[in-house]
Amino acid sequence: MVSANNAISLRAALLATDAIFVPDTRASTAGIHVAKVLAQLDIAEIVADRLKVFPNGATAMRHLAESRDRRPIGCTQSTEIISTGGVVLSGTLPPGCGLATMYTAAVPTQAAAASQAHRLIALLTSPKTSELRNQAGFVSG
């Protein structure tokens, strides 16, 4: 359930914008989630004409960075926001509105380059690369 105060703040922030940059609300996981949150906040119809929909979050954030709108906002995965120059992550969605994606890795038993794949997974999940993952917007645990 969404906390009333957090939902009110999010709703107010979205209503105060003149443009909302989002990934595809029908084909992108992040965009579909944004559409659900807008409906959950009971503002989907109110802000429908402000939505600026792009094929994916990275493209949406690039266009947000170039926007000439007075009060634009964007909503997509934090990793896509953080990696886009000219855009700043303002925070995460409040409890009850967020969406966490679990990333996993596996190596097929018949993989031609199994040892290299195992090394790559070890590198990506190593405590030594933890800070880099955090800086890129990935949350562990």
C-alpha atoms as a PDB file:
ATOM      1  CA  MET A   1       0.000   0.000   0.000  1.00  0.00           C
ATOM      2  CA  VAL A   2       1.220   3.511  -0.814  1.00  0.00           C
ATOM      3  CA  SER A   3       1.879   5.830   2.115  1.00  0.00           C
ATOM      4  CA  ALA A   4      -0.591   8.719   1.919  1.00  0.00           C
ATOM      5  CA  ASN A   5       2.063  11.427   2.396  1.00  0.00           C
ATOM      6  CA  ASN A   6       4.425   9.926  -0.174  1.00  0.00           C
ATOM      7  CA  ALA A   7       1.612   9.379  -2.657  1.00  0.00           C
ATOM      8  CA  ILE A   8       0.400  12.943  -2.164  1.00  0.00           C
ATOM      9  CA  SER A   9       3.905  14.313  -2.763  1.00  0.00           C
ATOM     10  CA  LEU A  10       4.422  12.198  -5.865  1.00  0.00           C
ATOM     11  CA  ARG A  11       0.997  13.099  -7.209  1.00  0.00           C
ATOM     12  CA  ALA A  12       1.664  16.804  -6.618  1.00  0.00           C
ATOM     13  CA  ALA A  13       5.062  16.620  -8.333  1.00  0.00           C
ATOM     14  CA  LEU A  14       3.568  14.921 -11.383  1.00  0.00           C
ATOM     15  CA  LEU A  15       0.655  17.357 -11.566  1.00  0.00           C
ATOM     16  CA  ALA A  16       3.049  20.336 -11.366  1.00  0.00           C
ATOM     17  CA  THR A  17       4.936  19.324 -14.512  1.00  0.00           C
ATOM     18  CA  ASP A  18       4.295  20.445 -18.035  1.00  0.00           C
ATOM     19  CA  ALA A  19       5.966  17.351 -19.554  1.00  0.00           C
ATOM     20  CA  ILE A  20       6.514  13.801 -18.297  1.00  0.00           C
ATOM     21  CA  PHE A  21       9.179  11.846 -20.189  1.00  0.00           C
ATOM     22  CA  VAL A  22       8.632   8.089 -20.022  1.00  0.00           C
ATOM     23  CA  PRO A  23       9.495   4.878 -21.854  1.00  0.00           C
ATOM     24  CA  ASP A  24       6.801   3.190 -23.952  1.00  0.00           C
ATOM     25  CA  THR A  25       3.805   2.698 -21.665  1.00  0.00           C
ATOM     26  CA  ARG A  26       2.630  -0.369 -23.588  1.00  0.00           C
ATOM     27  CA  ALA A  27       5.828  -2.220 -24.496  1.00  0.00           C
ATOM     28  CA  SER A  28       8.476  -1.239 -21.921  1.00  0.00           C
ATOM     29  CA  THR A  29       8.473  -2.710 -18.409  1.00  0.00           C
ATOM     30  CA  ALA A  30       9.343   0.668 -16.873  1.00  0.00           C
ATOM     31  CA  GLY A  31       6.771   2.476 -19.017  1.00  0.00           C
ATOM     32  CA  ILE A  32       4.026  -0.007 -18.189  1.00  0.00           C
ATOM     33  CA  HIS A  33       4.850   0.520 -14.525  1.00  0.00           C
ATOM     34  CA  VAL A  34       4.700   4.322 -14.864  1.00  0.00           C
ATOM     35  CA  ALA A  35       1.250   3.980 -16.460  1.00  0.00           C
ATOM     36  CA  LYS A  36       0.122   1.828 -13.504  1.00  0.00           C
ATOM     37  CA  VAL A  37       1.436   4.389 -11.014  1.00  0.00           C
ATOM     38  CA  LEU A  38      -0.359   7.230 -12.807  1.00  0.00           C
ATOM     39  CA  ALA A  39      -3.586   5.199 -12.633  1.00  0.00           C
ATOM     40  CA  GLN A  40      -2.931   4.315  -8.988  1.00  0.00           C
ATOM     41  CA  LEU A  41      -2.535   8.031  -8.204  1.00  0.00           C
ATOM     42  CA  ASP A  42      -5.758   8.712 -10.160  1.00  0.00           C
ATOM     43  CA  ILE A  43      -4.070  11.180 -12.528  1.00  0.00           C
ATOM     44  CA  ALA A  44      -3.588   9.122 -15.714  1.00  0.00           C
ATOM     45  CA  GLU A  45      -6.239  11.039 -17.637  1.00  0.00           C
ATOM     46  CA  ILE A  46      -5.216  14.400 -16.192  1.00  0.00           C
ATOM     47  CA  VAL A  47      -1.585  14.092 -17.340  1.00  0.00           C
ATOM     48  CA  ALA A  48      -2.160  12.064 -20.528  1.00  0.00           C
ATOM     49  CA  ASP A  49      -1.489  15.045 -22.799  1.00  0.00           C
ATOM     50  CA  ARG A  50       1.774  15.796 -20.938  1.00  0.00           C
ATOM     51  CA  LEU A  51       3.279  12.351 -21.518  1.00  0.00           C
ATOM     52  CA  LYS A  52       6.216  12.271 -23.899  1.00  0.00           C
ATOM     53  CA  VAL A  53       6.607   8.598 -24.724  1.00  0.00           C
ATOM     54  CA  PHE A  54       9.781   7.098 -26.209  1.00  0.00           C
ATOM     55  CA  PRO A  55      10.756   3.515 -27.121  1.00  0.00           C
ATOM     56  CA  ASN A  56      12.858   3.065 -23.965  1.00  0.00           C
ATOM     57  CA  GLY A  57      13.976   4.857 -20.824  1.00  0.00           C
ATOM     58  CA  ALA A  58      17.409   5.836 -22.103  1.00  0.00           C
ATOM     59  CA  THR A  59      15.868   7.602 -25.097  1.00  0.00           C
ATOM     60  CA  ALA A  60      13.244   9.266 -22.896  1.00  0.00           C
ATOM     61  CA  MET A  61      15.942  10.581 -20.553  1.00  0.00           C
ATOM     62  CA  ARG A  62      18.061  11.854 -23.445  1.00  0.00           C
ATOM     63  CA  HIS A  63      15.054  13.840 -24.675  1.00  0.00           C
ATOM     64  CA  LEU A  64      14.361  15.059 -21.137  1.00  0.00           C
ATOM     65  CA  ALA A  65      17.923  16.389 -20.983  1.00  0.00           C
ATOM     66  CA  GLU A  66      17.320  18.304 -24.227  1.00  0.00           C
ATOM     67  CA  SER A  67      13.827  19.488 -23.271  1.00  0.00           C
ATOM     68  CA  ARG A  68      12.815  23.120 -23.538  1.00  0.00           C
ATOM     69  CA  ASP A  69       9.746  22.535 -21.359  1.00  0.00           C
ATOM     70  CA  ARG A  70       9.535  24.750 -18.263  1.00  0.00           C
ATOM     71  CA  ARG A  71       8.875  22.031 -15.651  1.00  0.00           C
ATOM     72  CA  PRO A  72       9.701  18.629 -17.178  1.00  0.00           C
ATOM     73  CA  ILE A  73      10.133  15.426 -15.214  1.00  0.00           C
ATOM     74  CA  GLY A  74      11.101  11.909 -16.239  1.00  0.00           C
ATOM     75  CA  CYS A  75      10.326   8.506 -14.854  1.00  0.00           C
ATOM     76  CA  THR A  76      12.199   5.312 -15.705  1.00  0.00           C
ATOM     77  CA  GLN A  77      14.782   2.989 -14.182  1.00  0.00           C
ATOM     78  CA  SER A  78      17.326   4.760 -11.995  1.00  0.00           C
ATOM     79  CA  THR A  79      20.177   3.219 -14.004  1.00  0.00           C
ATOM     80  CA  GLU A  80      18.907   4.981 -17.135  1.00  0.00           C
ATOM     81  CA  ILE A  81      18.523   8.297 -15.322  1.00  0.00           C
ATOM     82  CA  ILE A  82      21.973   8.171 -13.710  1.00  0.00           C
ATOM     83  CA  SER A  83      23.703   7.320 -16.987  1.00  0.00           C
ATOM     84  CA  THR A  84      22.185  10.272 -18.872  1.00  0.00           C
ATOM     85  CA  GLY A  85      24.123  13.523 -18.927  1.00  0.00           C
ATOM     86  CA  GLY A  86      22.005  16.585 -18.178  1.00  0.00           C
ATOM     87  CA  VAL A  87      19.548  14.627 -16.015  1.00  0.00           C
ATOM     88  CA  VAL A  88      19.718  14.238 -12.235  1.00  0.00           C
ATOM     89  CA  LEU A  89      18.122  11.458 -10.213  1.00  0.00           C
ATOM     90  CA  SER A  90      15.821  13.255  -7.773  1.00  0.00           C
ATOM     91  CA  GLY A  91      14.892  10.136  -5.829  1.00  0.00           C
ATOM     92  CA  THR A  92      13.109   6.844  -5.988  1.00  0.00           C
ATOM     93  CA  LEU A  93       9.400   6.260  -6.139  1.00  0.00           C
ATOM     94  CA  PRO A  94       7.790   6.001  -2.705  1.00  0.00           C
ATOM     95  CA  PRO A  95       6.943   2.640  -1.134  1.00  0.00           C
ATOM     96  CA  GLY A  96       3.991   1.096  -2.899  1.00  0.00           C
ATOM     97  CA  CYS A  97       4.854   2.856  -6.166  1.00  0.00           C
ATOM     98  CA  GLY A  98       8.307   1.465  -6.914  1.00  0.00           C
ATOM     99  CA  LEU A  99       9.312  -1.535  -8.985  1.00  0.00           C
ATOM    100  CA  ALA A 100      12.455  -3.564  -8.387  1.00  0.00           C
ATOM    101  CA  THR A 101      13.972  -5.668 -11.139  1.00  0.00           C
ATOM    102  CA  MET A 102      16.013  -8.698 -10.141  1.00  0.00           C
ATOM    103  CA  TYR A 103      18.909  -9.410 -12.477  1.00  0.00           C
ATOM    104  CA  THR A 104      20.318 -12.930 -12.638  1.00  0.00           C
ATOM    105  CA  ALA A 105      23.059 -14.638 -14.606  1.00  0.00           C
ATOM    106  CA  ALA A 106      23.556 -18.243 -15.665  1.00  0.00           C
ATOM    107  CA  VAL A 107      25.942 -20.234 -17.800  1.00  0.00           C
ATOM    108  CA  PRO A 108      24.500 -23.054 -19.929  1.00  0.00           C
ATOM    109  CA  THR A 109      26.073 -26.430 -19.229  1.00  0.00           C
ATOM    110  CA  GLN A 110      27.069 -26.719 -22.886  1.00  0.00           C
ATOM    111  CA  ALA A 111      28.458 -23.166 -23.216  1.00  0.00           C
ATOM    112  CA  ALA A 112      31.442 -22.926 -25.562  1.00  0.00           C
ATOM    113  CA  ALA A 113      33.085 -20.247 -23.410  1.00  0.00           C
ATOM    114  CA  ALA A 114      31.898 -21.334 -19.962  1.00  0.00           C
ATOM    115  CA  SER A 115      35.054 -20.316 -18.104  1.00  0.00           C
ATOM    116  CA  GLN A 116      34.939 -16.805 -19.588  1.00  0.00           C
ATOM    117  CA  ALA A 117      31.248 -16.544 -18.723  1.00  0.00           C
ATOM    118  CA  HIS A 118      31.931 -17.579 -15.127  1.00  0.00           C
ATOM    119  CA  ARG A 119      34.702 -14.965 -14.902  1.00  0.00           C
ATOM    120  CA  LEU A 120      32.381 -12.285 -16.240  1.00  0.00           C
ATOM    121  CA  ILE A 121      29.689 -13.167 -13.693  1.00  0.00           C
ATOM    122  CA  ALA A 122      32.293 -13.159 -10.919  1.00  0.00           C
ATOM    123  CA  LEU A 123      33.486  -9.717 -12.035  1.00  0.00           C
ATOM    124  CA  LEU A 124      29.946  -8.318 -12.216  1.00  0.00           C
ATOM    125  CA  THR A 125      29.038  -9.626  -8.766  1.00  0.00           C
ATOM    126  CA  SER A 126      32.358  -9.079  -7.010  1.00  0.00           C
ATOM    127  CA  PRO A 127      32.529  -7.019  -3.802  1.00  0.00           C
ATOM    128  CA  LYS A 128      35.314  -5.090  -5.586  1.00  0.00           C
ATOM    129  CA  THR A 129      32.788  -3.755  -8.129  1.00  0.00           C
ATOM    130  CA  SER A 130      30.048  -3.079  -5.570  1.00  0.00           C
ATOM    131  CA  GLU A 131      30.696   0.679  -5.461  1.00  0.00           C
ATOM    132  CA  LEU A 132      30.583   0.912  -9.264  1.00  0.00           C
ATOM    133  CA  ARG A 133      27.246  -0.915  -9.303  1.00  0.00           C
ATOM    134  CA  ASN A 134      25.893   1.473  -6.639  1.00  0.00           C
ATOM    135  CA  GLN A 135      27.074   4.512  -8.618  1.00  0.00           C
ATOM    136  CA  ALA A 136      25.293   3.162 -11.681  1.00  0.00           C
ATOM    137  CA  GLY A 137      22.041   2.837  -9.742  1.00  0.00           C
ATOM    138  CA  PHE A 138      22.000  -0.878  -9.009  1.00  0.00           C
ATOM    139  CA  VAL A 139      20.935  -1.891  -5.505  1.00  0.00           C
ATOM    140  CA  SER A 140      22.259  -5.088  -3.958  1.00  0.00           C
ATOM    141  CA  GLY A 141      20.505  -7.271  -1.432  1.00  0.00           C
END
